[in-house]
Amino acid sequence: MRTATKISSLNAGQVLRAEGVLTPEQLDEVTHEAGQTGERLADVILARGMATEYDLAKALVHQLSLPYIAAKSYDPPKEVKTVVPVATLHQHRLLPLDLFGDVLLFATYADLDPQVVADLEAETGKRLAFVIAQKTELEAVLHERYPPEDLGKQVASRLDQLFGA
């Protein structure tokens, strides 16, 4: 099974439930909250202190048979840095790590919506593979290597596209 299928096949709550970190009642509770707020389930679980980043990473590594990586210790090649738009990386909290032929390797700290995976594969023309990292470290490295684009520049660029300036 490809790792893109693995990372989108189970949600973080199901994984933590299978590992005994969450009870069925807690899973129902956070699933409802995530549905109401639109937040990622993993973010709700972490914010409520129901699991630690380590618990989440360990559970994903075990349940999905994906490798763990310390994101700050991986130095990606230059060609990886331009494959996916920076805004997309921040939106989905994905850290591009490497490109092996037609396989693009990302670090993530939680499951991904299958549609996001399909869209990224279509957009990049690459098959996606994933490794697991801890949220805080992944986000710090993401902001350091791929600073969020200035919102004003994004708006100006979009206006130029719309009105042909």
N, C-alpha and C. Protein backbone atom coordinates (compact mmCIF):
# COMPACT_ATOMS: atom_id res chain seq x y z
N MET A 1 0.85 -1.19 0.00
CA MET A 1 0.00 0.00 0.00
C MET A 1 0.89 1.24 0.00
N ARG A 2 0.52 2.20 -0.82
CA ARG A 2 1.27 3.46 -0.86
C ARG A 2 1.03 4.23 0.42
N THR A 3 2.03 5.00 0.83
CA THR A 3 1.87 5.75 2.07
C THR A 3 0.84 6.85 1.95
N ALA A 4 0.54 7.34 0.76
CA ALA A 4 -0.51 8.34 0.61
C ALA A 4 -1.86 7.73 0.99
N THR A 5 -2.06 6.48 0.66
CA THR A 5 -3.29 5.80 1.05
C THR A 5 -3.31 5.59 2.55
N LYS A 6 -2.18 5.25 3.13
CA LYS A 6 -2.12 5.03 4.57
C LYS A 6 -2.45 6.30 5.34
N ILE A 7 -1.88 7.42 4.95
CA ILE A 7 -2.05 8.66 5.71
C ILE A 7 -3.46 9.21 5.59
N SER A 8 -4.21 8.79 4.59
CA SER A 8 -5.57 9.29 4.44
C SER A 8 -6.62 8.22 4.75
N SER A 9 -6.17 7.02 5.18
CA SER A 9 -7.12 5.93 5.40
C SER A 9 -7.74 5.95 6.80
N LEU A 10 -7.02 6.38 7.79
CA LEU A 10 -7.53 6.45 9.16
C LEU A 10 -7.33 7.86 9.68
N ASN A 11 -8.28 8.35 10.48
CA ASN A 11 -8.03 9.67 11.04
C ASN A 11 -7.27 9.54 12.37
N ALA A 12 -6.74 10.63 12.81
CA ALA A 12 -5.91 10.63 14.02
C ALA A 12 -6.67 10.10 15.22
N GLY A 13 -7.94 10.43 15.31
CA GLY A 13 -8.75 9.95 16.43
C GLY A 13 -8.90 8.44 16.42
N GLN A 14 -9.13 7.87 15.24
CA GLN A 14 -9.24 6.41 15.14
C GLN A 14 -7.93 5.73 15.53
N VAL A 15 -6.84 6.33 15.11
CA VAL A 15 -5.53 5.77 15.43
C VAL A 15 -5.29 5.82 16.94
N LEU A 16 -5.59 6.96 17.55
CA LEU A 16 -5.39 7.09 19.00
C LEU A 16 -6.36 6.20 19.77
N ARG A 17 -7.54 5.99 19.25
CA ARG A 17 -8.50 5.06 19.87
C ARG A 17 -7.95 3.63 19.81
N ALA A 18 -7.44 3.25 18.65
CA ALA A 18 -6.90 1.90 18.48
C ALA A 18 -5.71 1.66 19.41
N GLU A 19 -4.97 2.73 19.70
CA GLU A 19 -3.80 2.62 20.59
C GLU A 19 -4.19 2.72 22.07
N GLY A 20 -5.46 2.97 22.35
CA GLY A 20 -5.91 3.05 23.73
C GLY A 20 -5.67 4.41 24.39
N VAL A 21 -5.31 5.40 23.61
CA VAL A 21 -5.06 6.75 24.15
C VAL A 21 -6.39 7.48 24.37
N LEU A 22 -7.35 7.27 23.47
CA LEU A 22 -8.67 7.89 23.59
C LEU A 22 -9.72 6.81 23.85
N THR A 23 -10.74 7.18 24.61
CA THR A 23 -11.90 6.30 24.78
C THR A 23 -12.86 6.55 23.63
N PRO A 24 -13.80 5.64 23.41
CA PRO A 24 -14.80 5.89 22.35
C PRO A 24 -15.58 7.19 22.59
N GLU A 25 -15.87 7.49 23.85
CA GLU A 25 -16.60 8.72 24.18
C GLU A 25 -15.77 9.96 23.84
N GLN A 26 -14.49 9.92 24.18
CA GLN A 26 -13.62 11.05 23.85
C GLN A 26 -13.51 11.24 22.35
N LEU A 27 -13.41 10.13 21.62
CA LEU A 27 -13.33 10.21 20.16
C LEU A 27 -14.60 10.84 19.59
N ASP A 28 -15.75 10.44 20.09
CA ASP A 28 -17.01 11.05 19.63
C ASP A 28 -17.02 12.55 19.91
N GLU A 29 -16.57 12.91 21.10
CA GLU A 29 -16.56 14.31 21.53
C GLU A 29 -15.67 15.17 20.62
N VAL A 30 -14.44 14.72 20.38
CA VAL A 30 -13.52 15.53 19.56
C VAL A 30 -13.91 15.51 18.09
N THR A 31 -14.50 14.41 17.65
CA THR A 31 -14.96 14.34 16.26
C THR A 31 -16.08 15.36 16.05
N HIS A 32 -16.99 15.45 17.00
CA HIS A 32 -18.07 16.43 16.92
C HIS A 32 -17.50 17.86 16.92
N GLU A 33 -16.56 18.12 17.83
CA GLU A 33 -15.97 19.47 17.90
C GLU A 33 -15.23 19.83 16.61
N ALA A 34 -14.47 18.89 16.08
CA ALA A 34 -13.74 19.15 14.83
C ALA A 34 -14.72 19.44 13.69
N GLY A 35 -15.83 18.71 13.67
CA GLY A 35 -16.85 18.95 12.65
C GLY A 35 -17.48 20.32 12.77
N GLN A 36 -17.66 20.77 14.01
CA GLN A 36 -18.26 22.09 14.25
C GLN A 36 -17.31 23.23 13.92
N THR A 37 -16.03 23.06 14.25
CA THR A 37 -15.06 24.15 14.10
C THR A 37 -14.31 24.13 12.77
N GLY A 38 -14.29 22.97 12.10
CA GLY A 38 -13.53 22.85 10.86
C GLY A 38 -12.05 22.60 11.10
N GLU A 39 -11.65 22.44 12.36
CA GLU A 39 -10.25 22.17 12.67
C GLU A 39 -9.92 20.71 12.38
N ARG A 40 -8.63 20.44 12.18
CA ARG A 40 -8.20 19.07 12.05
C ARG A 40 -8.45 18.35 13.37
N LEU A 41 -8.85 17.11 13.29
CA LEU A 41 -9.12 16.32 14.48
C LEU A 41 -7.89 16.26 15.38
N ALA A 42 -6.72 16.08 14.79
CA ALA A 42 -5.49 16.03 15.59
C ALA A 42 -5.28 17.31 16.37
N ASP A 43 -5.60 18.45 15.76
CA ASP A 43 -5.42 19.73 16.45
C ASP A 43 -6.37 19.86 17.64
N VAL A 44 -7.60 19.37 17.50
CA VAL A 44 -8.55 19.41 18.60
C VAL A 44 -8.05 18.51 19.74
N ILE A 45 -7.60 17.34 19.41
CA ILE A 45 -7.10 16.39 20.41
C ILE A 45 -5.91 16.99 21.16
N LEU A 46 -4.99 17.57 20.42
CA LEU A 46 -3.80 18.17 21.05
C LEU A 46 -4.17 19.38 21.89
N ALA A 47 -5.06 20.23 21.38
CA ALA A 47 -5.46 21.44 22.12
C ALA A 47 -6.17 21.09 23.42
N ARG A 48 -6.92 20.02 23.42
CA ARG A 48 -7.63 19.60 24.64
C ARG A 48 -6.73 18.82 25.60
N GLY A 49 -5.51 18.54 25.19
CA GLY A 49 -4.60 17.81 26.06
C GLY A 49 -4.96 16.34 26.22
N MET A 50 -5.74 15.80 25.29
CA MET A 50 -6.12 14.39 25.36
C MET A 50 -4.99 13.47 24.94
N ALA A 51 -4.04 14.03 24.24
CA ALA A 51 -2.84 13.30 23.82
C ALA A 51 -1.73 14.31 23.64
N THR A 52 -0.51 13.85 23.74
CA THR A 52 0.64 14.71 23.48
C THR A 52 1.06 14.55 22.02
N GLU A 53 1.90 15.44 21.57
CA GLU A 53 2.43 15.31 20.21
C GLU A 53 3.17 13.99 20.07
N TYR A 54 3.88 13.60 21.11
CA TYR A 54 4.60 12.33 21.09
C TYR A 54 3.62 11.16 20.97
N ASP A 55 2.52 11.19 21.76
CA ASP A 55 1.50 10.13 21.69
C ASP A 55 0.97 10.01 20.27
N LEU A 56 0.66 11.15 19.67
CA LEU A 56 0.10 11.15 18.33
C LEU A 56 1.09 10.59 17.31
N ALA A 57 2.33 11.08 17.36
CA ALA A 57 3.34 10.59 16.42
C ALA A 57 3.57 9.09 16.60
N LYS A 58 3.69 8.66 17.83
CA LYS A 58 3.93 7.23 18.12
C LYS A 58 2.78 6.38 17.59
N ALA A 59 1.54 6.83 17.82
CA ALA A 59 0.38 6.08 17.36
C ALA A 59 0.33 6.00 15.84
N LEU A 60 0.59 7.11 15.16
CA LEU A 60 0.58 7.10 13.69
C LEU A 60 1.68 6.20 13.13
N VAL A 61 2.85 6.28 13.72
CA VAL A 61 3.96 5.42 13.27
C VAL A 61 3.58 3.95 13.43
N HIS A 62 3.01 3.61 14.57
CA HIS A 62 2.65 2.22 14.84
C HIS A 62 1.48 1.75 13.98
N GLN A 63 0.38 2.49 13.98
CA GLN A 63 -0.82 2.06 13.28
C GLN A 63 -0.69 2.10 11.76
N LEU A 64 0.04 3.07 11.25
CA LEU A 64 0.13 3.24 9.79
C LEU A 64 1.43 2.70 9.21
N SER A 65 2.31 2.21 10.07
CA SER A 65 3.61 1.68 9.62
C SER A 65 4.38 2.70 8.78
N LEU A 66 4.35 3.94 9.24
CA LEU A 66 5.09 5.00 8.57
C LEU A 66 6.30 5.37 9.41
N PRO A 67 7.38 5.78 8.79
CA PRO A 67 8.57 6.17 9.57
C PRO A 67 8.38 7.52 10.27
N TYR A 68 9.15 7.71 11.32
CA TYR A 68 9.19 8.97 12.07
C TYR A 68 10.46 9.70 11.67
N ILE A 69 10.38 11.04 11.62
CA ILE A 69 11.57 11.83 11.31
C ILE A 69 11.59 13.07 12.19
N ALA A 70 12.77 13.47 12.59
CA ALA A 70 12.95 14.76 13.25
C ALA A 70 13.08 15.77 12.11
N ALA A 71 12.05 16.56 11.90
CA ALA A 71 11.97 17.44 10.73
C ALA A 71 13.15 18.40 10.62
N LYS A 72 13.63 18.90 11.74
CA LYS A 72 14.71 19.88 11.68
C LYS A 72 16.04 19.27 11.25
N SER A 73 16.15 17.96 11.32
CA SER A 73 17.42 17.33 10.97
C SER A 73 17.51 16.95 9.49
N TYR A 74 16.46 17.18 8.74
CA TYR A 74 16.43 16.80 7.33
C TYR A 74 16.62 18.03 6.46
N ASP A 75 17.60 18.00 5.59
CA ASP A 75 17.90 19.13 4.70
C ASP A 75 17.44 18.77 3.29
N PRO A 76 16.31 19.32 2.85
CA PRO A 76 15.77 18.95 1.54
C PRO A 76 16.58 19.54 0.39
N PRO A 77 16.60 18.84 -0.74
CA PRO A 77 17.28 19.40 -1.92
C PRO A 77 16.50 20.61 -2.47
N LYS A 78 17.20 21.46 -3.20
CA LYS A 78 16.60 22.71 -3.70
C LYS A 78 15.37 22.47 -4.57
N GLU A 79 15.39 21.44 -5.41
CA GLU A 79 14.28 21.23 -6.34
C GLU A 79 12.95 20.93 -5.63
N VAL A 80 13.00 20.52 -4.39
CA VAL A 80 11.78 20.23 -3.63
C VAL A 80 11.07 21.51 -3.22
N LYS A 81 11.82 22.57 -3.06
CA LYS A 81 11.27 23.80 -2.48
C LYS A 81 10.27 24.52 -3.38
N THR A 82 10.19 24.16 -4.64
CA THR A 82 9.30 24.88 -5.55
C THR A 82 8.17 24.02 -6.11
N VAL A 83 8.07 22.79 -5.66
CA VAL A 83 7.09 21.87 -6.23
C VAL A 83 5.65 22.21 -5.82
N VAL A 84 5.46 22.62 -4.57
CA VAL A 84 4.12 22.92 -4.05
C VAL A 84 4.11 24.37 -3.57
N PRO A 85 3.07 25.14 -3.89
CA PRO A 85 3.00 26.53 -3.43
C PRO A 85 3.08 26.63 -1.91
N VAL A 86 3.73 27.66 -1.43
CA VAL A 86 3.93 27.88 0.00
C VAL A 86 2.59 27.94 0.74
N ALA A 87 1.61 28.60 0.16
CA ALA A 87 0.31 28.70 0.81
C ALA A 87 -0.31 27.33 1.03
N THR A 88 -0.13 26.43 0.08
CA THR A 88 -0.66 25.07 0.20
C THR A 88 0.05 24.32 1.32
N LEU A 89 1.36 24.50 1.41
CA LEU A 89 2.13 23.85 2.48
C LEU A 89 1.61 24.28 3.85
N HIS A 90 1.39 25.57 4.02
CA HIS A 90 0.91 26.09 5.31
C HIS A 90 -0.54 25.68 5.57
N GLN A 91 -1.35 25.70 4.55
CA GLN A 91 -2.76 25.33 4.72
C GLN A 91 -2.90 23.91 5.25
N HIS A 92 -2.11 22.99 4.71
CA HIS A 92 -2.23 21.58 5.07
C HIS A 92 -1.13 21.11 6.03
N ARG A 93 -0.27 22.05 6.42
CA ARG A 93 0.83 21.78 7.34
C ARG A 93 1.65 20.58 6.88
N LEU A 94 2.17 20.73 5.68
CA LEU A 94 3.01 19.71 5.06
C LEU A 94 4.40 20.27 4.86
N LEU A 95 5.39 19.47 5.17
CA LEU A 95 6.77 19.87 5.00
C LEU A 95 7.40 19.00 3.91
N PRO A 96 7.69 19.58 2.73
CA PRO A 96 8.32 18.77 1.68
C PRO A 96 9.76 18.44 2.07
N LEU A 97 10.13 17.17 1.89
CA LEU A 97 11.45 16.72 2.31
C LEU A 97 12.35 16.29 1.16
N ASP A 98 11.78 15.57 0.20
CA ASP A 98 12.65 15.03 -0.84
C ASP A 98 11.82 14.62 -2.05
N LEU A 99 12.53 14.43 -3.14
CA LEU A 99 11.91 14.01 -4.39
C LEU A 99 12.74 12.84 -4.91
N PHE A 100 12.09 11.69 -5.05
CA PHE A 100 12.74 10.48 -5.55
C PHE A 100 12.05 10.07 -6.83
N GLY A 101 12.58 10.51 -7.96
CA GLY A 101 11.93 10.22 -9.23
C GLY A 101 10.58 10.90 -9.28
N ASP A 102 9.52 10.08 -9.33
CA ASP A 102 8.17 10.66 -9.36
C ASP A 102 7.47 10.60 -8.00
N VAL A 103 8.23 10.40 -6.93
CA VAL A 103 7.66 10.34 -5.58
C VAL A 103 8.12 11.55 -4.78
N LEU A 104 7.16 12.30 -4.28
CA LEU A 104 7.41 13.48 -3.46
C LEU A 104 7.16 13.11 -2.00
N LEU A 105 8.18 13.29 -1.17
CA LEU A 105 8.11 12.91 0.24
C LEU A 105 7.80 14.12 1.11
N PHE A 106 6.77 13.99 1.95
CA PHE A 106 6.36 15.03 2.88
C PHE A 106 6.42 14.51 4.31
N ALA A 107 6.64 15.44 5.24
CA ALA A 107 6.42 15.15 6.65
C ALA A 107 5.10 15.77 7.04
N THR A 108 4.35 15.08 7.89
CA THR A 108 3.10 15.59 8.43
C THR A 108 2.98 15.11 9.86
N TYR A 109 2.07 15.70 10.62
CA TYR A 109 1.88 15.26 12.00
C TYR A 109 0.52 14.61 12.20
N ALA A 110 -0.28 14.53 11.14
CA ALA A 110 -1.62 13.96 11.28
C ALA A 110 -2.07 13.42 9.94
N ASP A 111 -3.24 12.83 9.97
CA ASP A 111 -3.83 12.30 8.76
C ASP A 111 -4.21 13.45 7.82
N LEU A 112 -4.42 13.09 6.57
CA LEU A 112 -4.83 14.08 5.57
C LEU A 112 -6.10 13.62 4.90
N ASP A 113 -6.90 14.56 4.49
CA ASP A 113 -8.11 14.27 3.73
C ASP A 113 -7.69 13.61 2.42
N PRO A 114 -8.34 12.51 2.05
CA PRO A 114 -8.00 11.84 0.78
C PRO A 114 -8.08 12.78 -0.43
N GLN A 115 -9.00 13.74 -0.39
CA GLN A 115 -9.13 14.68 -1.50
C GLN A 115 -7.91 15.58 -1.60
N VAL A 116 -7.35 15.98 -0.46
CA VAL A 116 -6.14 16.80 -0.45
C VAL A 116 -4.99 16.03 -1.11
N VAL A 117 -4.86 14.76 -0.74
CA VAL A 117 -3.81 13.92 -1.33
C VAL A 117 -4.01 13.82 -2.84
N ALA A 118 -5.23 13.52 -3.26
CA ALA A 118 -5.52 13.40 -4.70
C ALA A 118 -5.24 14.70 -5.44
N ASP A 119 -5.65 15.82 -4.85
CA ASP A 119 -5.42 17.12 -5.48
C ASP A 119 -3.93 17.42 -5.61
N LEU A 120 -3.16 17.13 -4.56
CA LEU A 120 -1.72 17.38 -4.62
C LEU A 120 -1.03 16.49 -5.64
N GLU A 121 -1.47 15.25 -5.74
CA GLU A 121 -0.89 14.36 -6.75
C GLU A 121 -1.20 14.87 -8.15
N ALA A 122 -2.41 15.32 -8.36
CA ALA A 122 -2.79 15.85 -9.68
C ALA A 122 -2.04 17.14 -9.99
N GLU A 123 -1.93 18.00 -8.99
CA GLU A 123 -1.27 19.31 -9.16
C GLU A 123 0.22 19.16 -9.44
N THR A 124 0.87 18.22 -8.76
CA THR A 124 2.32 18.08 -8.89
C THR A 124 2.74 17.07 -9.94
N GLY A 125 1.82 16.16 -10.30
CA GLY A 125 2.18 15.08 -11.22
C GLY A 125 3.08 14.05 -10.55
N LYS A 126 3.11 14.07 -9.23
CA LYS A 126 3.96 13.15 -8.44
C LYS A 126 3.09 12.26 -7.57
N ARG A 127 3.61 11.10 -7.25
CA ARG A 127 2.99 10.27 -6.22
C ARG A 127 3.50 10.79 -4.88
N LEU A 128 2.67 10.75 -3.87
CA LEU A 128 3.05 11.29 -2.56
C LEU A 128 3.37 10.17 -1.58
N ALA A 129 4.37 10.43 -0.76
CA ALA A 129 4.71 9.53 0.33
C ALA A 129 4.88 10.40 1.58
N PHE A 130 4.68 9.80 2.73
CA PHE A 130 4.69 10.57 3.98
C PHE A 130 5.51 9.91 5.06
N VAL A 131 6.06 10.77 5.91
CA VAL A 131 6.67 10.36 7.17
C VAL A 131 6.01 11.18 8.25
N ILE A 132 6.15 10.75 9.48
CA ILE A 132 5.50 11.42 10.60
C ILE A 132 6.52 12.25 11.37
N ALA A 133 6.10 13.45 11.76
CA ALA A 133 6.91 14.34 12.59
C ALA A 133 6.01 14.86 13.72
N GLN A 134 6.61 15.48 14.71
CA GLN A 134 5.82 16.10 15.77
C GLN A 134 5.39 17.49 15.31
N LYS A 135 4.17 17.88 15.70
CA LYS A 135 3.54 19.10 15.21
C LYS A 135 4.38 20.36 15.43
N THR A 136 4.82 20.61 16.65
CA THR A 136 5.54 21.85 16.94
C THR A 136 6.80 21.97 16.12
N GLU A 137 7.55 20.89 16.04
CA GLU A 137 8.79 20.92 15.26
C GLU A 137 8.49 21.10 13.77
N LEU A 138 7.51 20.40 13.25
CA LEU A 138 7.15 20.52 11.85
C LEU A 138 6.76 21.95 11.51
N GLU A 139 5.90 22.54 12.34
CA GLU A 139 5.46 23.91 12.07
C GLU A 139 6.60 24.91 12.16
N ALA A 140 7.51 24.71 13.11
CA ALA A 140 8.66 25.62 13.23
C ALA A 140 9.55 25.54 11.99
N VAL A 141 9.82 24.34 11.53
CA VAL A 141 10.66 24.16 10.34
C VAL A 141 9.94 24.69 9.10
N LEU A 142 8.65 24.45 9.01
CA LEU A 142 7.86 24.94 7.88
C LEU A 142 7.93 26.47 7.80
N HIS A 143 7.76 27.15 8.93
CA HIS A 143 7.81 28.62 8.94
C HIS A 143 9.22 29.13 8.66
N GLU A 144 10.21 28.40 9.09
CA GLU A 144 11.60 28.82 8.86
C GLU A 144 11.99 28.65 7.39
N ARG A 145 11.69 27.51 6.81
CA ARG A 145 12.11 27.22 5.43
C ARG A 145 11.17 27.81 4.38
N TYR A 146 9.91 27.93 4.75
CA TYR A 146 8.89 28.41 3.81
C TYR A 146 8.06 29.50 4.50
N PRO A 147 8.63 30.67 4.68
CA PRO A 147 7.88 31.74 5.37
C PRO A 147 6.55 31.98 4.67
N PRO A 148 5.50 32.18 5.46
CA PRO A 148 4.20 32.46 4.84
C PRO A 148 4.30 33.69 3.95
N GLU A 149 3.65 33.59 2.81
CA GLU A 149 3.69 34.70 1.86
C GLU A 149 2.92 35.88 2.44
N ASP A 150 3.38 37.05 2.11
CA ASP A 150 2.71 38.27 2.55
C ASP A 150 1.31 38.31 1.96
N LEU A 151 0.30 38.46 2.81
CA LEU A 151 -1.09 38.46 2.38
C LEU A 151 -1.35 39.57 1.36
N GLY A 152 -0.75 40.73 1.56
CA GLY A 152 -0.92 41.83 0.61
C GLY A 152 -0.43 41.45 -0.77
N LYS A 153 0.69 40.77 -0.86
CA LYS A 153 1.21 40.33 -2.15
C LYS A 153 0.27 39.32 -2.79
N GLN A 154 -0.30 38.42 -1.97
CA GLN A 154 -1.23 37.43 -2.50
C GLN A 154 -2.46 38.11 -3.08
N VAL A 155 -3.00 39.08 -2.37
CA VAL A 155 -4.20 39.78 -2.83
C VAL A 155 -3.88 40.55 -4.11
N ALA A 156 -2.76 41.25 -4.14
CA ALA A 156 -2.37 42.02 -5.33
C ALA A 156 -2.18 41.10 -6.53
N SER A 157 -1.55 39.95 -6.31
CA SER A 157 -1.33 39.00 -7.39
C SER A 157 -2.65 38.47 -7.93
N ARG A 158 -3.57 38.17 -7.02
CA ARG A 158 -4.88 37.66 -7.44
C ARG A 158 -5.66 38.73 -8.19
N LEU A 159 -5.59 39.98 -7.76
CA LEU A 159 -6.26 41.07 -8.46
C LEU A 159 -5.69 41.26 -9.86
N ASP A 160 -4.35 41.14 -9.96
CA ASP A 160 -3.70 41.23 -11.27
C ASP A 160 -4.22 40.12 -12.20
N GLN A 161 -4.38 38.92 -11.65
CA GLN A 161 -4.89 37.80 -12.45
C GLN A 161 -6.32 38.08 -12.90
N LEU A 162 -7.14 38.58 -12.00
CA LEU A 162 -8.54 38.82 -12.31
C LEU A 162 -8.77 39.96 -13.29
N PHE A 163 -7.99 41.03 -13.13
CA PHE A 163 -8.24 42.22 -13.92
C PHE A 163 -7.15 42.50 -14.96
N GLY A 164 -6.22 41.56 -15.11
CA GLY A 164 -5.22 41.66 -16.16
C GLY A 164 -4.31 42.86 -16.09
N ALA A 165 -3.89 43.23 -14.90
CA ALA A 165 -3.02 44.41 -14.76
C ALA A 165 -1.60 44.10 -15.15
